[in-house]
């Protein structure tokens, strides 16, 4: 049973790497900034899956905090980029 689990984890690692590779190609080829924003936001999911699978393969919990950091950075980056594209400013001056 342990052999089947290791093979399925390795298959998931290779699938995550392939998805990351295809998303990077998508980011480079698409001219629209909105497509690049969606693809870069989507890039976080296979990266987090890859980290979970590597953590399962090595039977350690050391990498789990890295997933939370990546999720927070991705959320903040997406919100800031979407706000900039919508209003052309990141921070608004509410003192007027």
PDB file of N, CA and C in Angstrom:
ATOM      1  N   UNK A   1       0.827  -1.202   0.000  1.00  0.00           N
ATOM      2  CA  UNK A   1       0.000   0.000   0.000  1.00  0.00           C
ATOM      3  C   UNK A   1       0.860   1.250   0.000  1.00  0.00           C
ATOM      4  N   UNK A   2       1.998   1.181   0.676  1.00  0.00           N
ATOM      5  CA  UNK A   2       2.897   2.328   0.723  1.00  0.00           C
ATOM      6  C   UNK A   2       3.467   2.631  -0.659  1.00  0.00           C
ATOM      7  N   UNK A   3       3.668   1.597  -1.465  1.00  0.00           N
ATOM      8  CA  UNK A   3       4.201   1.777  -2.806  1.00  0.00           C
ATOM      9  C   UNK A   3       3.212   2.523  -3.701  1.00  0.00           C
ATOM     10  N   UNK A   4       1.932   2.172  -3.564  1.00  0.00           N
ATOM     11  CA  UNK A   4       0.897   2.836  -4.353  1.00  0.00           C
ATOM     12  C   UNK A   4       0.792   4.311  -3.959  1.00  0.00           C
ATOM     13  N   UNK A   5       0.890   4.603  -2.674  1.00  0.00           N
ATOM     14  CA  UNK A   5       0.828   5.983  -2.207  1.00  0.00           C
ATOM     15  C   UNK A   5       2.009   6.790  -2.735  1.00  0.00           C
ATOM     16  N   UNK A   6       3.204   6.219  -2.707  1.00  0.00           N
ATOM     17  CA  UNK A   6       4.372   6.928  -3.234  1.00  0.00           C
ATOM     18  C   UNK A   6       4.248   7.190  -4.727  1.00  0.00           C
ATOM     19  N   UNK A   7       3.740   6.211  -5.475  1.00  0.00           N
ATOM     20  CA  UNK A   7       3.563   6.421  -6.917  1.00  0.00           C
ATOM     21  C   UNK A   7       2.513   7.477  -7.211  1.00  0.00           C
ATOM     22  N   UNK A   8       1.441   7.492  -6.441  1.00  0.00           N
ATOM     23  CA  UNK A   8       0.411   8.503  -6.678  1.00  0.00           C
ATOM     24  C   UNK A   8       0.901   9.899  -6.283  1.00  0.00           C
ATOM     25  N   UNK A   9       1.722   9.987  -5.235  1.00  0.00           N
ATOM     26  CA  UNK A   9       2.299  11.279  -4.862  1.00  0.00           C
ATOM     27  C   UNK A   9       3.250  11.763  -5.950  1.00  0.00           C
ATOM     28  N   UNK A  10       4.084  10.866  -6.479  1.00  0.00           N
ATOM     29  CA  UNK A  10       4.999  11.256  -7.564  1.00  0.00           C
ATOM     30  C   UNK A  10       4.237  11.666  -8.816  1.00  0.00           C
ATOM     31  N   UNK A  11       3.148  10.973  -9.117  1.00  0.00           N
ATOM     32  CA  UNK A  11       2.322  11.355 -10.265  1.00  0.00           C
ATOM     33  C   UNK A  11       1.715  12.740 -10.056  1.00  0.00           C
ATOM     34  N   UNK A  12       1.268  13.027  -8.846  1.00  0.00           N
ATOM     35  CA  UNK A  12       0.739  14.348  -8.537  1.00  0.00           C
ATOM     36  C   UNK A  12       1.799  15.430  -8.623  1.00  0.00           C
ATOM     37  N   UNK A  13       3.030  15.114  -8.209  1.00  0.00           N
ATOM     38  CA  UNK A  13       4.130  16.081  -8.315  1.00  0.00           C
ATOM     39  C   UNK A  13       4.414  16.400  -9.769  1.00  0.00           C
ATOM     40  N   UNK A  14       4.475  15.388 -10.606  1.00  0.00           N
ATOM     41  CA  UNK A  14       4.733  15.636 -12.026  1.00  0.00           C
ATOM     42  C   UNK A  14       3.578  16.373 -12.690  1.00  0.00           C
ATOM     43  N   UNK A  15       2.349  16.082 -12.296  1.00  0.00           N
ATOM     44  CA  UNK A  15       1.194  16.801 -12.850  1.00  0.00           C
ATOM     45  C   UNK A  15       1.215  18.269 -12.427  1.00  0.00           C
ATOM     46  N   UNK A  16       1.599  18.542 -11.183  1.00  0.00           N
ATOM     47  CA  UNK A  16       1.689  19.928 -10.719  1.00  0.00           C
ATOM     48  C   UNK A  16       2.790  20.688 -11.449  1.00  0.00           C
ATOM     49  N   UNK A  17       3.916  20.039 -11.667  1.00  0.00           N
ATOM     50  CA  UNK A  17       5.008  20.677 -12.406  1.00  0.00           C
ATOM     51  C   UNK A  17       4.582  20.957 -13.844  1.00  0.00           C
ATOM     52  N   UNK A  18       3.868  20.020 -14.465  1.00  0.00           N
ATOM     53  CA  UNK A  18       3.388  20.233 -15.831  1.00  0.00           C
ATOM     54  C   UNK A  18       2.393  21.394 -15.879  1.00  0.00           C
ATOM     55  N   UNK A  19       1.505  21.485 -14.898  1.00  0.00           N
ATOM     56  CA  UNK A  19       0.537  22.584 -14.880  1.00  0.00           C
ATOM     57  C   UNK A  19       1.234  23.928 -14.686  1.00  0.00           C
ATOM     58  N   UNK A  20       2.245  23.965 -13.825  1.00  0.00           N
ATOM     59  CA  UNK A  20       3.010  25.199 -13.632  1.00  0.00           C
ATOM     60  C   UNK A  20       3.707  25.599 -14.930  1.00  0.00           C
ATOM     61  N   UNK A  21       4.276  24.627 -15.620  1.00  0.00           N
ATOM     62  CA  UNK A  21       4.956  24.897 -16.888  1.00  0.00           C
ATOM     63  C   UNK A  21       3.988  25.461 -17.928  1.00  0.00           C
ATOM     64  N   UNK A  22       2.803  24.853 -18.062  1.00  0.00           N
ATOM     65  CA  UNK A  22       1.833  25.330 -19.041  1.00  0.00           C
ATOM     66  C   UNK A  22       1.273  26.704 -18.673  1.00  0.00           C
ATOM     67  N   UNK A  23       1.113  26.973 -17.389  1.00  0.00           N
ATOM     68  CA  UNK A  23       0.652  28.297 -16.985  1.00  0.00           C
ATOM     69  C   UNK A  23       1.707  29.368 -17.248  1.00  0.00           C
ATOM     70  N   UNK A  24       2.970  29.028 -17.071  1.00  0.00           N
ATOM     71  CA  UNK A  24       4.031  29.994 -17.394  1.00  0.00           C
ATOM     72  C   UNK A  24       4.067  30.292 -18.889  1.00  0.00           C
ATOM     73  N   UNK A  25       3.855  29.278 -19.712  1.00  0.00           N
ATOM     74  CA  UNK A  25       3.767  29.503 -21.161  1.00  0.00           C
ATOM     75  C   UNK A  25       2.571  30.388 -21.484  1.00  0.00           C
ATOM     76  N   UNK A  26       1.443  30.158 -20.824  1.00  0.00           N
ATOM     77  CA  UNK A  26       0.238  30.960 -21.032  1.00  0.00           C
ATOM     78  C   UNK A  26       0.491  32.419 -20.651  1.00  0.00           C
ATOM     79  N   UNK A  27       1.207  32.643 -19.552  1.00  0.00           N
ATOM     80  CA  UNK A  27       1.506  34.008 -19.122  1.00  0.00           C
ATOM     81  C   UNK A  27       2.378  34.721 -20.144  1.00  0.00           C
ATOM     82  N   UNK A  28       3.333  34.013 -20.713  1.00  0.00           N
ATOM     83  CA  UNK A  28       4.246  34.636 -21.672  1.00  0.00           C
ATOM     84  C   UNK A  28       3.536  34.930 -22.996  1.00  0.00           C
ATOM     85  N   UNK A  29       2.658  34.049 -23.440  1.00  0.00           N
ATOM     86  CA  UNK A  29       2.070  34.185 -24.773  1.00  0.00           C
ATOM     87  C   UNK A  29       0.878  35.137 -24.844  1.00  0.00           C
ATOM     88  N   UNK A  30       0.126  35.304 -23.790  1.00  0.00           N
ATOM     89  CA  UNK A  30      -1.070  36.135 -23.852  1.00  0.00           C
ATOM     90  C   UNK A  30      -0.712  37.615 -23.747  1.00  0.00           C
ATOM     91  N   UNK A  31      -1.278  38.456 -24.610  1.00  0.00           N
ATOM     92  CA  UNK A  31      -0.935  39.878 -24.579  1.00  0.00           C
ATOM     93  C   UNK A  31      -1.727  40.689 -23.544  1.00  0.00           C
ATOM     94  N   UNK A  32      -2.901  40.217 -23.155  1.00  0.00           N
ATOM     95  CA  UNK A  32      -3.750  40.992 -22.256  1.00  0.00           C
ATOM     96  C   UNK A  32      -3.247  40.891 -20.818  1.00  0.00           C
ATOM     97  N   UNK A  33      -3.271  42.017 -20.129  1.00  0.00           N
ATOM     98  CA  UNK A  33      -2.827  42.035 -18.745  1.00  0.00           C
ATOM     99  C   UNK A  33      -3.811  41.297 -17.848  1.00  0.00           C
ATOM    100  N   UNK A  34      -5.082  41.274 -18.227  1.00  0.00           N
ATOM    101  CA  UNK A  34      -6.076  40.565 -17.427  1.00  0.00           C
ATOM    102  C   UNK A  34      -5.871  39.055 -17.506  1.00  0.00           C
ATOM    103  N   UNK A  35      -5.514  38.550 -18.693  1.00  0.00           N
ATOM    104  CA  UNK A  35      -5.199  37.122 -18.822  1.00  0.00           C
ATOM    105  C   UNK A  35      -3.972  36.756 -17.993  1.00  0.00           C
ATOM    106  N   UNK A  36      -2.998  37.636 -18.001  1.00  0.00           N
ATOM    107  CA  UNK A  36      -1.791  37.379 -17.212  1.00  0.00           C
ATOM    108  C   UNK A  36      -2.085  37.425 -15.718  1.00  0.00           C
ATOM    109  N   UNK A  37      -2.986  38.307 -15.306  1.00  0.00           N
ATOM    110  CA  UNK A  37      -3.363  38.390 -13.898  1.00  0.00           C
ATOM    111  C   UNK A  37      -4.076  37.122 -13.447  1.00  0.00           C
ATOM    112  N   UNK A  38      -5.003  36.636 -14.263  1.00  0.00           N
ATOM    113  CA  UNK A  38      -5.726  35.413 -13.917  1.00  0.00           C
ATOM    114  C   UNK A  38      -4.781  34.218 -13.889  1.00  0.00           C
ATOM    115  N   UNK A  39      -3.888  34.132 -14.875  1.00  0.00           N
ATOM    116  CA  UNK A  39      -2.954  33.003 -14.922  1.00  0.00           C
ATOM    117  C   UNK A  39      -1.963  33.049 -13.757  1.00  0.00           C
ATOM    118  N   UNK A  40      -1.516  34.227 -13.388  1.00  0.00           N
ATOM    119  CA  UNK A  40      -0.576  34.308 -12.268  1.00  0.00           C
ATOM    120  C   UNK A  40      -1.275  33.995 -10.943  1.00  0.00           C
ATOM    121  N   UNK A  41      -2.551  34.348 -10.835  1.00  0.00           N
ATOM    122  CA  UNK A  41      -3.307  33.984  -9.644  1.00  0.00           C
ATOM    123  C   UNK A  41      -3.563  32.482  -9.623  1.00  0.00           C
ATOM    124  N   UNK A  42      -3.813  31.919 -10.774  1.00  0.00           N
ATOM    125  CA  UNK A  42      -4.048  30.483 -10.878  1.00  0.00           C
ATOM    126  C   UNK A  42      -2.768  29.684 -10.660  1.00  0.00           C
ATOM    127  N   UNK A  43      -1.633  30.308 -10.864  1.00  0.00           N
ATOM    128  CA  UNK A  43      -0.341  29.639 -10.698  1.00  0.00           C
ATOM    129  C   UNK A  43      -0.079  29.252  -9.240  1.00  0.00           C
ATOM    130  N   UNK A  44      -0.699  29.937  -8.318  1.00  0.00           N
ATOM    131  CA  UNK A  44      -0.480  29.649  -6.901  1.00  0.00           C
ATOM    132  C   UNK A  44      -1.047  28.292  -6.498  1.00  0.00           C
ATOM    133  N   UNK A  45      -2.144  27.887  -7.115  1.00  0.00           N
ATOM    134  CA  UNK A  45      -2.776  26.625  -6.716  1.00  0.00           C
ATOM    135  C   UNK A  45      -1.903  25.403  -7.009  1.00  0.00           C
ATOM    136  N   UNK A  46      -1.385  25.212  -8.238  1.00  0.00           N
ATOM    137  CA  UNK A  46      -0.512  24.043  -8.424  1.00  0.00           C
ATOM    138  C   UNK A  46       0.792  24.146  -7.635  1.00  0.00           C
ATOM    139  N   UNK A  47       1.238  25.373  -7.358  1.00  0.00           N
ATOM    140  CA  UNK A  47       2.438  25.533  -6.546  1.00  0.00           C
ATOM    141  C   UNK A  47       2.185  25.066  -5.110  1.00  0.00           C
ATOM    142  N   UNK A  48       1.029  25.413  -4.572  1.00  0.00           N
ATOM    143  CA  UNK A  48       0.695  24.960  -3.225  1.00  0.00           C
ATOM    144  C   UNK A  48       0.460  23.450  -3.204  1.00  0.00           C
ATOM    145  N   UNK A  49      -0.161  22.910  -4.259  1.00  0.00           N
ATOM    146  CA  UNK A  49      -0.340  21.456  -4.352  1.00  0.00           C
ATOM    147  C   UNK A  49       1.006  20.748  -4.424  1.00  0.00           C
ATOM    148  N   UNK A  50       1.929  21.328  -5.157  1.00  0.00           N
ATOM    149  CA  UNK A  50       3.266  20.753  -5.265  1.00  0.00           C
ATOM    150  C   UNK A  50       3.956  20.723  -3.900  1.00  0.00           C
ATOM    151  N   UNK A  51       3.819  21.790  -3.139  1.00  0.00           N
ATOM    152  CA  UNK A  51       4.437  21.835  -1.819  1.00  0.00           C
ATOM    153  C   UNK A  51       3.805  20.810  -0.882  1.00  0.00           C
ATOM    154  N   UNK A  52       2.484  20.658  -0.949  1.00  0.00           N
ATOM    155  CA  UNK A  52       1.814  19.652  -0.113  1.00  0.00           C
ATOM    156  C   UNK A  52       2.282  18.250  -0.485  1.00  0.00           C
ATOM    157  N   UNK A  53       2.391  17.981  -1.781  1.00  0.00           N
ATOM    158  CA  UNK A  53       2.802  16.644  -2.222  1.00  0.00           C
ATOM    159  C   UNK A  53       4.256  16.348  -1.854  1.00  0.00           C
ATOM    160  N   UNK A  54       5.113  17.339  -1.960  1.00  0.00           N
ATOM    161  CA  UNK A  54       6.511  17.152  -1.551  1.00  0.00           C
ATOM    162  C   UNK A  54       6.577  16.919  -0.044  1.00  0.00           C
ATOM    163  N   UNK A  55       5.752  17.647   0.707  1.00  0.00           N
ATOM    164  CA  UNK A  55       5.700  17.444   2.149  1.00  0.00           C
ATOM    165  C   UNK A  55       5.201  16.045   2.496  1.00  0.00           C
ATOM    166  N   UNK A  56       4.218  15.549   1.747  1.00  0.00           N
ATOM    167  CA  UNK A  56       3.735  14.185   1.976  1.00  0.00           C
ATOM    168  C   UNK A  56       4.786  13.155   1.599  1.00  0.00           C
ATOM    169  N   UNK A  57       5.523  13.415   0.525  1.00  0.00           N
ATOM    170  CA  UNK A  57       6.533  12.463   0.070  1.00  0.00           C
ATOM    171  C   UNK A  57       7.652  12.317   1.096  1.00  0.00           C
ATOM    172  N   UNK A  58       8.071  13.437   1.671  1.00  0.00           N
ATOM    173  CA  UNK A  58       9.143  13.395   2.665  1.00  0.00           C
ATOM    174  C   UNK A  58       8.631  13.182   4.087  1.00  0.00           C
ATOM    175  N   UNK A  59       7.321  13.075   4.247  1.00  0.00           N
ATOM    176  CA  UNK A  59       6.677  12.814   5.548  1.00  0.00           C
ATOM    177  C   UNK A  59       7.091  13.844   6.604  1.00  0.00           C
ATOM    178  N   UNK A  60       6.936  15.109   6.250  1.00  0.00           N
ATOM    179  CA  UNK A  60       7.269  16.195   7.166  1.00  0.00           C
ATOM    180  C   UNK A  60       6.203  17.282   7.074  1.00  0.00           C
ATOM    181  N   UNK A  61       6.082  18.064   8.140  1.00  0.00           N
ATOM    182  CA  UNK A  61       5.157  19.184   8.163  1.00  0.00           C
ATOM    183  C   UNK A  61       5.887  20.520   8.048  1.00  0.00           C
ATOM    184  N   UNK A  62       7.144  20.492   7.702  1.00  0.00           N
ATOM    185  CA  UNK A  62       7.954  21.708   7.685  1.00  0.00           C
ATOM    186  C   UNK A  62       7.529  22.690   6.605  1.00  0.00           C
ATOM    187  N   UNK A  63       6.979  22.193   5.526  1.00  0.00           N
ATOM    188  CA  UNK A  63       6.655  23.054   4.386  1.00  0.00           C
ATOM    189  C   UNK A  63       5.242  23.629   4.444  1.00  0.00           C
ATOM    190  N   UNK A  64       4.455  23.255   5.413  1.00  0.00           N
ATOM    191  CA  UNK A  64       3.054  23.660   5.455  1.00  0.00           C
ATOM    192  C   UNK A  64       2.913  25.161   5.705  1.00  0.00           C
ATOM    193  N   UNK A  65       3.781  25.743   6.499  1.00  0.00           N
ATOM    194  CA  UNK A  65       3.702  27.189   6.743  1.00  0.00           C
ATOM    195  C   UNK A  65       4.016  27.979   5.472  1.00  0.00           C
ATOM    196  N   UNK A  66       4.813  27.390   4.597  1.00  0.00           N
ATOM    197  CA  UNK A  66       5.121  28.034   3.320  1.00  0.00           C
ATOM    198  C   UNK A  66       3.868  28.185   2.464  1.00  0.00           C
ATOM    199  N   UNK A  67       2.943  27.254   2.560  1.00  0.00           N
ATOM    200  CA  UNK A  67       1.703  27.327   1.792  1.00  0.00           C
ATOM    201  C   UNK A  67       0.877  28.524   2.236  1.00  0.00           C
ATOM    202  N   UNK A  68       0.807  28.759   3.537  1.00  0.00           N
ATOM    203  CA  UNK A  68       0.061  29.907   4.041  1.00  0.00           C
ATOM    204  C   UNK A  68       0.678  31.222   3.588  1.00  0.00           C
ATOM    205  N   UNK A  69       1.988  31.297   3.565  1.00  0.00           N
ATOM    206  CA  UNK A  69       2.671  32.501   3.116  1.00  0.00           C
ATOM    207  C   UNK A  69       2.397  32.752   1.644  1.00  0.00           C
ATOM    208  N   UNK A  70       2.454  31.713   0.819  1.00  0.00           N
ATOM    209  CA  UNK A  70       2.173  31.855  -0.608  1.00  0.00           C
ATOM    210  C   UNK A  70       0.728  32.288  -0.825  1.00  0.00           C
ATOM    211  N   UNK A  71      -0.206  31.731  -0.075  1.00  0.00           N
ATOM    212  CA  UNK A  71      -1.620  32.090  -0.228  1.00  0.00           C
ATOM    213  C   UNK A  71      -1.857  33.552   0.130  1.00  0.00           C
ATOM    214  N   UNK A  72      -1.237  34.029   1.205  1.00  0.00           N
ATOM    215  CA  UNK A  72      -1.413  35.425   1.613  1.00  0.00           C
ATOM    216  C   UNK A  72      -0.795  36.367   0.590  1.00  0.00           C
ATOM    217  N   UNK A  73       0.405  36.049   0.106  1.00  0.00           N
ATOM    218  CA  UNK A  73       1.053  36.899  -0.892  1.00  0.00           C
ATOM    219  C   UNK A  73       0.249  36.925  -2.181  1.00  0.00           C
ATOM    220  N   UNK A  74      -0.305  35.795  -2.574  1.00  0.00           N
ATOM    221  CA  UNK A  74      -1.105  35.737  -3.794  1.00  0.00           C
ATOM    222  C   UNK A  74      -2.382  36.559  -3.641  1.00  0.00           C
ATOM    223  N   UNK A  75      -3.029  36.467  -2.497  1.00  0.00           N
ATOM    224  CA  UNK A  75      -4.252  37.234  -2.264  1.00  0.00           C
ATOM    225  C   UNK A  75      -3.972  38.729  -2.293  1.00  0.00           C
ATOM    226  N   UNK A  76      -2.956  39.163  -1.586  1.00  0.00           N
ATOM    227  CA  UNK A  76      -2.626  40.587  -1.543  1.00  0.00           C
ATOM    228  C   UNK A  76      -2.201  41.083  -2.930  1.00  0.00           C
ATOM    229  N   UNK A  77      -1.408  40.304  -3.630  1.00  0.00           N
ATOM    230  CA  UNK A  77      -0.981  40.694  -4.971  1.00  0.00           C
ATOM    231  C   UNK A  77      -2.130  40.811  -5.947  1.00  0.00           C
ATOM    232  N   UNK A  78      -3.073  39.904  -5.867  1.00  0.00           N
ATOM    233  CA  UNK A  78      -4.224  39.954  -6.758  1.00  0.00           C
ATOM    234  C   UNK A  78      -5.118  41.149  -6.445  1.00  0.00           C
ATOM    235  N   UNK A  79      -5.353  41.415  -5.176  1.00  0.00           N
ATOM    236  CA  UNK A  79      -6.197  42.549  -4.802  1.00  0.00           C
ATOM    237  C   UNK A  79      -5.554  43.865  -5.205  1.00  0.00           C
ATOM    238  N   UNK A  80      -4.263  44.000  -4.960  1.00  0.00           N
ATOM    239  CA  UNK A  80      -3.566  45.242  -5.310  1.00  0.00           C
ATOM    240  C   UNK A  80      -3.533  45.432  -6.823  1.00  0.00           C
ATOM    241  N   UNK A  81      -3.265  44.386  -7.563  1.00  0.00           N
ATOM    242  CA  UNK A  81      -3.208  44.503  -9.022  1.00  0.00           C
ATOM    243  C   UNK A  81      -4.580  44.811  -9.598  1.00  0.00           C
ATOM    244  N   UNK A  82      -5.620  44.155  -9.113  1.00  0.00           N
ATOM    245  CA  UNK A  82      -6.970  44.432  -9.611  1.00  0.00           C
ATOM    246  C   UNK A  82      -7.400  45.854  -9.264  1.00  0.00           C
ATOM    247  N   UNK A  83      -7.051  46.309  -8.082  1.00  0.00           N
ATOM    248  CA  UNK A  83      -7.397  47.682  -7.702  1.00  0.00           C
ATOM    249  C   UNK A  83      -6.646  48.695  -8.554  1.00  0.00           C
ATOM    250  N   UNK A  84      -5.397  48.404  -8.861  1.00  0.00           N
ATOM    251  CA  UNK A  84      -4.628  49.308  -9.712  1.00  0.00           C
ATOM    252  C   UNK A  84      -5.184  49.342 -11.126  1.00  0.00           C
ATOM    253  N   UNK A  85      -5.570  48.187 -11.653  1.00  0.00           N
ATOM    254  CA  UNK A  85      -6.118  48.155 -13.008  1.00  0.00           C
ATOM    255  C   UNK A  85      -7.486  48.830 -13.080  1.00  0.00           C
ATOM    256  N   UNK A  86      -8.241  48.803 -11.997  1.00  0.00           N
ATOM    257  CA  UNK A  86      -9.557  49.421 -11.999  1.00  0.00           C
ATOM    258  C   UNK A  86      -9.490  50.939 -11.821  1.00  0.00           C
ATOM    259  N   UNK A  87      -8.653  51.423 -10.897  1.00  0.00           N
ATOM    260  CA  UNK A  87      -8.632  52.845 -10.564  1.00  0.00           C
ATOM    261  C   UNK A  87      -7.347  53.565 -10.947  1.00  0.00           C
ATOM    262  N   UNK A  88      -6.354  52.835 -11.421  1.00  0.00           N
ATOM    263  CA  UNK A  88      -5.038  53.386 -11.753  1.00  0.00           C
ATOM    264  C   UNK A  88      -4.315  53.975 -10.551  1.00  0.00           C
ATOM    265  N   UNK A  89      -4.710  53.554  -9.368  1.00  0.00           N
ATOM    266  CA  UNK A  89      -3.995  53.923  -8.152  1.00  0.00           C
ATOM    267  C   UNK A  89      -4.200  52.816  -7.129  1.00  0.00           C
ATOM    268  N   UNK A  90      -3.200  52.587  -6.318  1.00  0.00           N
ATOM    269  CA  UNK A  90      -3.286  51.525  -5.330  1.00  0.00           C
ATOM    270  C   UNK A  90      -3.870  52.053  -4.033  1.00  0.00           C
ATOM    271  N   UNK A  91      -3.375  53.164  -3.560  1.00  0.00           N
ATOM    272  CA  UNK A  91      -3.856  53.775  -2.339  1.00  0.00           C
ATOM    273  C   UNK A  91      -4.629  55.037  -2.692  1.00  0.00           C
ATOM    274  N   UNK A  92      -5.818  55.165  -2.159  1.00  0.00           N
ATOM    275  CA  UNK A  92      -6.613  56.356  -2.450  1.00  0.00           C
ATOM    276  C   UNK A  92      -6.390  57.404  -1.367  1.00  0.00           C
ATOM    277  N   UNK A  93      -6.475  58.652  -1.778  1.00  0.00           N
ATOM    278  CA  UNK A  93      -6.296  59.754  -0.842  1.00  0.00           C
ATOM    279  C   UNK A  93      -7.679  60.202  -0.372  1.00  0.00           C
ATOM    280  N   UNK A  94      -8.084  59.746   0.806  1.00  0.00           N
ATOM    281  CA  UNK A  94      -9.411  60.039   1.317  1.00  0.00           C
ATOM    282  C   UNK A  94      -9.470  61.335   2.124  1.00  0.00           C
ATOM    283  N   UNK A  95      -8.394  62.100   2.168  1.00  0.00           N
ATOM    284  CA  UNK A  95      -8.374  63.315   2.991  1.00  0.00           C
ATOM    285  C   UNK A  95      -8.960  64.505   2.263  1.00  0.00           C
ATOM    286  N   UNK A  96      -9.330  64.343   1.018  1.00  0.00           N
ATOM    287  CA  UNK A  96      -9.848  65.489   0.246  1.00  0.00           C
ATOM    288  C   UNK A  96     -11.234  65.878   0.693  1.00  0.00           C
TER     289      UNK A  96
END
